[in-house]
Amino acid sequence: MKIFVKAKPNSKVESIKKLSETNFEICVKEPPVKGRANAAIIEALAKHFGVSLSKVRLISGFASRQKVIEIEK
């Protein structure tokens, strides 16, 4: 399943907000430095969907706030 994520790094509170069936807004505390925010987003999504970290893959948007992420069930 592919989902579209709007990332908000450097947030005070970590949260996942479902905007529609495939669109999410994710706030993480990590800064967007050396992929730390991307790693935190992947970890949050894995926990949210109840899958392991290896099942969550960032497809595009490595340096953008708009990301496409694939989740294997």
PDB file of N, CA and C in Angstrom:
ATOM      1  N   MET A   1       0.838  -1.159   0.000  1.00  0.00           N
ATOM      2  CA  MET A   1       0.000   0.000   0.000  1.00  0.00           C
ATOM      3  C   MET A   1       0.894   1.237   0.000  1.00  0.00           C
ATOM      4  N   LYS A   2       0.562   2.192  -0.833  1.00  0.00           N
ATOM      5  CA  LYS A   2       1.305   3.450  -0.890  1.00  0.00           C
ATOM      6  C   LYS A   2       0.514   4.527  -0.169  1.00  0.00           C
ATOM      7  N   ILE A   3       1.234   5.305   0.635  1.00  0.00           N
ATOM      8  CA  ILE A   3       0.591   6.434   1.302  1.00  0.00           C
ATOM      9  C   ILE A   3       1.397   7.697   1.022  1.00  0.00           C
ATOM     10  N   PHE A   4       0.729   8.817   1.137  1.00  0.00           N
ATOM     11  CA  PHE A   4       1.350  10.116   0.908  1.00  0.00           C
ATOM     12  C   PHE A   4       1.419  10.842   2.242  1.00  0.00           C
ATOM     13  N   VAL A   5       2.614  11.325   2.572  1.00  0.00           N
ATOM     14  CA  VAL A   5       2.863  11.896   3.887  1.00  0.00           C
ATOM     15  C   VAL A   5       3.338  13.335   3.762  1.00  0.00           C
ATOM     16  N   LYS A   6       2.764  14.200   4.585  1.00  0.00           N
ATOM     17  CA  LYS A   6       3.291  15.551   4.741  1.00  0.00           C
ATOM     18  C   LYS A   6       4.049  15.547   6.062  1.00  0.00           C
ATOM     19  N   ALA A   7       5.357  15.746   5.984  1.00  0.00           N
ATOM     20  CA  ALA A   7       6.216  15.672   7.162  1.00  0.00           C
ATOM     21  C   ALA A   7       6.344  17.024   7.836  1.00  0.00           C
ATOM     22  N   LYS A   8       6.346  17.000   9.156  1.00  0.00           N
ATOM     23  CA  LYS A   8       6.588  18.202   9.948  1.00  0.00           C
ATOM     24  C   LYS A   8       7.670  17.885  10.980  1.00  0.00           C
ATOM     25  N   PRO A   9       8.940  18.072  10.602  1.00  0.00           N
ATOM     26  CA  PRO A   9      10.028  17.817  11.557  1.00  0.00           C
ATOM     27  C   PRO A   9      10.129  18.946  12.583  1.00  0.00           C
ATOM     28  N   ASN A  10      10.930  18.729  13.625  1.00  0.00           N
ATOM     29  CA  ASN A  10      11.160  19.710  14.700  1.00  0.00           C
ATOM     30  C   ASN A  10       9.879  20.089  15.441  1.00  0.00           C
ATOM     31  N   SER A  11       8.934  19.180  15.542  1.00  0.00           N
ATOM     32  CA  SER A  11       7.700  19.462  16.268  1.00  0.00           C
ATOM     33  C   SER A  11       7.908  19.210  17.750  1.00  0.00           C
ATOM     34  N   LYS A  12       7.104  19.870  18.559  1.00  0.00           N
ATOM     35  CA  LYS A  12       7.198  19.662  20.002  1.00  0.00           C
ATOM     36  C   LYS A  12       6.542  18.358  20.422  1.00  0.00           C
ATOM     37  N   VAL A  13       5.505  17.957  19.686  1.00  0.00           N
ATOM     38  CA  VAL A  13       4.759  16.739  20.002  1.00  0.00           C
ATOM     39  C   VAL A  13       4.747  15.836  18.778  1.00  0.00           C
ATOM     40  N   GLU A  14       4.994  14.545  18.990  1.00  0.00           N
ATOM     41  CA  GLU A  14       4.928  13.594  17.881  1.00  0.00           C
ATOM     42  C   GLU A  14       3.480  13.152  17.699  1.00  0.00           C
ATOM     43  N   SER A  15       3.021  13.177  16.431  1.00  0.00           N
ATOM     44  CA  SER A  15       1.647  12.761  16.167  1.00  0.00           C
ATOM     45  C   SER A  15       1.484  12.317  14.723  1.00  0.00           C
ATOM     46  N   ILE A  16       0.458  11.511  14.503  1.00  0.00           N
ATOM     47  CA  ILE A  16       0.075  11.083  13.160  1.00  0.00           C
ATOM     48  C   ILE A  16      -1.384  11.466  12.978  1.00  0.00           C
ATOM     49  N   LYS A  17      -1.652  12.253  11.951  1.00  0.00           N
ATOM     50  CA  LYS A  17      -3.013  12.701  11.663  1.00  0.00           C
ATOM     51  C   LYS A  17      -3.422  12.138  10.308  1.00  0.00           C
ATOM     52  N   LYS A  18      -4.521  11.391  10.274  1.00  0.00           N
ATOM     53  CA  LYS A  18      -5.022  10.809   9.035  1.00  0.00           C
ATOM     54  C   LYS A  18      -5.931  11.823   8.353  1.00  0.00           C
ATOM     55  N   LEU A  19      -5.499  12.306   7.187  1.00  0.00           N
ATOM     56  CA  LEU A  19      -6.267  13.301   6.452  1.00  0.00           C
ATOM     57  C   LEU A  19      -7.291  12.641   5.534  1.00  0.00           C
ATOM     58  N   SER A  20      -6.909  11.530   4.919  1.00  0.00           N
ATOM     59  CA  SER A  20      -7.815  10.728   4.098  1.00  0.00           C
ATOM     60  C   SER A  20      -7.296   9.298   4.135  1.00  0.00           C
ATOM     61  N   GLU A  21      -7.834   8.449   3.290  1.00  0.00           N
ATOM     62  CA  GLU A  21      -7.439   7.031   3.307  1.00  0.00           C
ATOM     63  C   GLU A  21      -5.955   6.832   3.036  1.00  0.00           C
ATOM     64  N   THR A  22      -5.367   7.653   2.165  1.00  0.00           N
ATOM     65  CA  THR A  22      -3.947   7.477   1.815  1.00  0.00           C
ATOM     66  C   THR A  22      -3.091   8.694   2.127  1.00  0.00           C
ATOM     67  N   ASN A  23      -3.643   9.718   2.760  1.00  0.00           N
ATOM     68  CA  ASN A  23      -2.887  10.929   3.082  1.00  0.00           C
ATOM     69  C   ASN A  23      -2.768  11.100   4.590  1.00  0.00           C
ATOM     70  N   PHE A  24      -1.529  11.326   5.044  1.00  0.00           N
ATOM     71  CA  PHE A  24      -1.256  11.481   6.458  1.00  0.00           C
ATOM     72  C   PHE A  24      -0.393  12.714   6.687  1.00  0.00           C
ATOM     73  N   GLU A  25      -0.513  13.290   7.865  1.00  0.00           N
ATOM     74  CA  GLU A  25       0.366  14.370   8.300  1.00  0.00           C
ATOM     75  C   GLU A  25       1.079  13.849   9.547  1.00  0.00           C
ATOM     76  N   ILE A  26       2.404  13.836   9.509  1.00  0.00           N
ATOM     77  CA  ILE A  26       3.169  13.268  10.602  1.00  0.00           C
ATOM     78  C   ILE A  26       4.103  14.319  11.189  1.00  0.00           C
ATOM     79  N   CYS A  27       3.998  14.524  12.484  1.00  0.00           N
ATOM     80  CA  CYS A  27       4.868  15.446  13.207  1.00  0.00           C
ATOM     81  C   CYS A  27       5.866  14.612  14.008  1.00  0.00           C
ATOM     82  N   VAL A  28       7.151  14.914  13.852  1.00  0.00           N
ATOM     83  CA  VAL A  28       8.197  14.216  14.605  1.00  0.00           C
ATOM     84  C   VAL A  28       9.107  15.241  15.264  1.00  0.00           C
ATOM     85  N   LYS A  29       9.743  14.839  16.352  1.00  0.00           N
ATOM     86  CA  LYS A  29      10.626  15.733  17.099  1.00  0.00           C
ATOM     87  C   LYS A  29      11.999  15.883  16.451  1.00  0.00           C
ATOM     88  N   GLU A  30      12.387  14.919  15.645  1.00  0.00           N
ATOM     89  CA  GLU A  30      13.723  14.918  15.044  1.00  0.00           C
ATOM     90  C   GLU A  30      13.878  16.035  14.017  1.00  0.00           C
ATOM     91  N   PRO A  31      15.084  16.608  13.920  1.00  0.00           N
ATOM     92  CA  PRO A  31      15.340  17.618  12.883  1.00  0.00           C
ATOM     93  C   PRO A  31      15.602  16.956  11.535  1.00  0.00           C
ATOM     94  N   PRO A  32      15.406  17.679  10.441  1.00  0.00           N
ATOM     95  CA  PRO A  32      15.653  17.101   9.110  1.00  0.00           C
ATOM     96  C   PRO A  32      17.139  17.127   8.747  1.00  0.00           C
ATOM     97  N   VAL A  33      17.955  16.475   9.568  1.00  0.00           N
ATOM     98  CA  VAL A  33      19.402  16.460   9.373  1.00  0.00           C
ATOM     99  C   VAL A  33      19.864  15.011   9.256  1.00  0.00           C
ATOM    100  N   LYS A  34      20.581  14.709   8.188  1.00  0.00           N
ATOM    101  CA  LYS A  34      21.160  13.373   7.959  1.00  0.00           C
ATOM    102  C   LYS A  34      20.124  12.257   8.040  1.00  0.00           C
ATOM    103  N   GLY A  35      18.897  12.530   7.583  1.00  0.00           N
ATOM    104  CA  GLY A  35      17.865  11.501   7.513  1.00  0.00           C
ATOM    105  C   GLY A  35      17.223  11.134   8.834  1.00  0.00           C
ATOM    106  N   ARG A  36      17.491  11.905   9.879  1.00  0.00           N
ATOM    107  CA  ARG A  36      16.933  11.567  11.190  1.00  0.00           C
ATOM    108  C   ARG A  36      15.420  11.720  11.220  1.00  0.00           C
ATOM    109  N   ALA A  37      14.877  12.735  10.566  1.00  0.00           N
ATOM    110  CA  ALA A  37      13.417  12.913  10.524  1.00  0.00           C
ATOM    111  C   ALA A  37      12.772  11.794   9.705  1.00  0.00           C
ATOM    112  N   ASN A  38      13.400  11.405   8.586  1.00  0.00           N
ATOM    113  CA  ASN A  38      12.864  10.299   7.781  1.00  0.00           C
ATOM    114  C   ASN A  38      12.816   9.010   8.590  1.00  0.00           C
ATOM    115  N   ALA A  39      13.868   8.741   9.360  1.00  0.00           N
ATOM    116  CA  ALA A  39      13.906   7.533  10.190  1.00  0.00           C
ATOM    117  C   ALA A  39      12.806   7.576  11.247  1.00  0.00           C
ATOM    118  N   ALA A  40      12.585   8.733  11.829  1.00  0.00           N
ATOM    119  CA  ALA A  40      11.535   8.867  12.847  1.00  0.00           C
ATOM    120  C   ALA A  40      10.145   8.684  12.235  1.00  0.00           C
ATOM    121  N   ILE A  41       9.955   9.174  11.009  1.00  0.00           N
ATOM    122  CA  ILE A  41       8.671   9.009  10.319  1.00  0.00           C
ATOM    123  C   ILE A  41       8.418   7.538  10.011  1.00  0.00           C
ATOM    124  N   ILE A  42       9.435   6.841   9.530  1.00  0.00           N
ATOM    125  CA  ILE A  42       9.301   5.410   9.231  1.00  0.00           C
ATOM    126  C   ILE A  42       8.991   4.628  10.500  1.00  0.00           C
ATOM    127  N   GLU A  43       9.657   4.969  11.586  1.00  0.00           N
ATOM    128  CA  GLU A  43       9.423   4.289  12.859  1.00  0.00           C
ATOM    129  C   GLU A  43       7.994   4.540  13.361  1.00  0.00           C
ATOM    130  N   ALA A  44       7.527   5.778  13.240  1.00  0.00           N
ATOM    131  CA  ALA A  44       6.168   6.112  13.679  1.00  0.00           C
ATOM    132  C   ALA A  44       5.122   5.387  12.846  1.00  0.00           C
ATOM    133  N   LEU A  45       5.343   5.311  11.534  1.00  0.00           N
ATOM    134  CA  LEU A  45       4.394   4.610  10.666  1.00  0.00           C
ATOM    135  C   LEU A  45       4.373   3.112  10.942  1.00  0.00           C
ATOM    136  N   ALA A  46       5.533   2.525  11.192  1.00  0.00           N
ATOM    137  CA  ALA A  46       5.599   1.094  11.497  1.00  0.00           C
ATOM    138  C   ALA A  46       4.804   0.798  12.769  1.00  0.00           C
ATOM    139  N   LYS A  47       4.937   1.655  13.759  1.00  0.00           N
ATOM    140  CA  LYS A  47       4.198   1.472  15.009  1.00  0.00           C
ATOM    141  C   LYS A  47       2.699   1.682  14.789  1.00  0.00           C
ATOM    142  N   HIS A  48       2.342   2.689  13.993  1.00  0.00           N
ATOM    143  CA  HIS A  48       0.932   3.001  13.727  1.00  0.00           C
ATOM    144  C   HIS A  48       0.225   1.863  13.000  1.00  0.00           C
ATOM    145  N   PHE A  49       0.888   1.277  11.995  1.00  0.00           N
ATOM    146  CA  PHE A  49       0.278   0.207  11.207  1.00  0.00           C
ATOM    147  C   PHE A  49       0.546  -1.186  11.779  1.00  0.00           C
ATOM    148  N   GLY A  50       1.361  -1.288  12.815  1.00  0.00           N
ATOM    149  CA  GLY A  50       1.632  -2.572  13.448  1.00  0.00           C
ATOM    150  C   GLY A  50       2.461  -3.511  12.596  1.00  0.00           C
ATOM    151  N   VAL A  51       3.454  -2.963  11.878  1.00  0.00           N
ATOM    152  CA  VAL A  51       4.347  -3.777  11.062  1.00  0.00           C
ATOM    153  C   VAL A  51       5.791  -3.512  11.498  1.00  0.00           C
ATOM    154  N   SER A  52       6.712  -4.361  11.044  1.00  0.00           N
ATOM    155  CA  SER A  52       8.118  -4.159  11.388  1.00  0.00           C
ATOM    156  C   SER A  52       8.712  -3.035  10.542  1.00  0.00           C
ATOM    157  N   LEU A  53       9.845  -2.517  10.980  1.00  0.00           N
ATOM    158  CA  LEU A  53      10.501  -1.413  10.279  1.00  0.00           C
ATOM    159  C   LEU A  53      10.880  -1.789   8.850  1.00  0.00           C
ATOM    160  N   SER A  54      11.207  -3.044   8.618  1.00  0.00           N
ATOM    161  CA  SER A  54      11.622  -3.466   7.279  1.00  0.00           C
ATOM    162  C   SER A  54      10.467  -3.468   6.275  1.00  0.00           C
ATOM    163  N   LYS A  55       9.236  -3.401   6.750  1.00  0.00           N
ATOM    164  CA  LYS A  55       8.063  -3.387   5.871  1.00  0.00           C
ATOM    165  C   LYS A  55       7.687  -1.977   5.409  1.00  0.00           C
ATOM    166  N   VAL A  56       8.339  -0.957   5.972  1.00  0.00           N
ATOM    167  CA  VAL A  56       8.047   0.440   5.637  1.00  0.00           C
ATOM    168  C   VAL A  56       9.224   0.991   4.842  1.00  0.00           C
ATOM    169  N   ARG A  57       8.921   1.526   3.637  1.00  0.00           N
ATOM    170  CA  ARG A  57       9.985   1.979   2.734  1.00  0.00           C
ATOM    171  C   ARG A  57       9.658   3.359   2.179  1.00  0.00           C
ATOM    172  N   LEU A  58      10.636   4.253   2.248  1.00  0.00           N
ATOM    173  CA  LEU A  58      10.491   5.592   1.681  1.00  0.00           C
ATOM    174  C   LEU A  58      10.808   5.506   0.193  1.00  0.00           C
ATOM    175  N   ILE A  59       9.823   5.821  -0.653  1.00  0.00           N
ATOM    176  CA  ILE A  59       9.992   5.707  -2.101  1.00  0.00           C
ATOM    177  C   ILE A  59      10.502   7.012  -2.694  1.00  0.00           C
ATOM    178  N   SER A  60       9.867   8.123  -2.340  1.00  0.00           N
ATOM    179  CA  SER A  60      10.323   9.417  -2.861  1.00  0.00           C
ATOM    180  C   SER A  60      10.082  10.504  -1.827  1.00  0.00           C
ATOM    181  N   GLY A  61      10.818  11.606  -1.981  1.00  0.00           N
ATOM    182  CA  GLY A  61      10.681  12.725  -1.071  1.00  0.00           C
ATOM    183  C   GLY A  61      11.706  12.717   0.039  1.00  0.00           C
ATOM    184  N   PHE A  62      12.907  12.210  -0.242  1.00  0.00           N
ATOM    185  CA  PHE A  62      13.944  12.110   0.779  1.00  0.00           C
ATOM    186  C   PHE A  62      14.285  13.473   1.376  1.00  0.00           C
ATOM    187  N   ALA A  63      14.290  14.526   0.565  1.00  0.00           N
ATOM    188  CA  ALA A  63      14.650  15.868   1.033  1.00  0.00           C
ATOM    189  C   ALA A  63      13.463  16.826   0.948  1.00  0.00           C
ATOM    190  N   SER A  64      12.258  16.286   0.906  1.00  0.00           N
ATOM    191  CA  SER A  64      11.065  17.104   0.762  1.00  0.00           C
ATOM    192  C   SER A  64      10.112  16.836   1.923  1.00  0.00           C
ATOM    193  N   ARG A  65       9.204  17.756   2.171  1.00  0.00           N
ATOM    194  CA  ARG A  65       8.180  17.523   3.191  1.00  0.00           C
ATOM    195  C   ARG A  65       7.091  16.589   2.680  1.00  0.00           C
ATOM    196  N   GLN A  66       6.917  16.533   1.352  1.00  0.00           N
ATOM    197  CA  GLN A  66       5.940  15.637   0.740  1.00  0.00           C
ATOM    198  C   GLN A  66       6.639  14.316   0.415  1.00  0.00           C
ATOM    199  N   LYS A  67       6.183  13.237   1.002  1.00  0.00           N
ATOM    200  CA  LYS A  67       6.844  11.943   0.830  1.00  0.00           C
ATOM    201  C   LYS A  67       5.844  10.891   0.354  1.00  0.00           C
ATOM    202  N   VAL A  68       6.368   9.915  -0.366  1.00  0.00           N
ATOM    203  CA  VAL A  68       5.579   8.746  -0.752  1.00  0.00           C
ATOM    204  C   VAL A  68       6.228   7.559  -0.062  1.00  0.00           C
ATOM    205  N   ILE A  69       5.426   6.825   0.705  1.00  0.00           N
ATOM    206  CA  ILE A  69       5.938   5.709   1.499  1.00  0.00           C
ATOM    207  C   ILE A  69       5.136   4.463   1.171  1.00  0.00           C
ATOM    208  N   GLU A  70       5.848   3.344   1.017  1.00  0.00           N
ATOM    209  CA  GLU A  70       5.203   2.060   0.745  1.00  0.00           C
ATOM    210  C   GLU A  70       5.231   1.209   2.004  1.00  0.00           C
ATOM    211  N   ILE A  71       4.074   0.617   2.328  1.00  0.00           N
ATOM    212  CA  ILE A  71       3.954  -0.235   3.507  1.00  0.00           C
ATOM    213  C   ILE A  71       3.492  -1.601   3.059  1.00  0.00           C
ATOM    214  N   GLU A  72       4.282  -2.621   3.368  1.00  0.00           N
ATOM    215  CA  GLU A  72       3.920  -4.009   3.055  1.00  0.00           C
ATOM    216  C   GLU A  72       3.125  -4.565   4.214  1.00  0.00           C
ATOM    217  N   LYS A  73       2.059  -5.253   3.909  1.00  0.00           N
ATOM    218  CA  LYS A  73       1.234  -5.865   4.974  1.00  0.00           C
ATOM    219  C   LYS A  73       1.555  -7.321   5.111  1.00  0.00           C
TER     220      LYS A  73
END
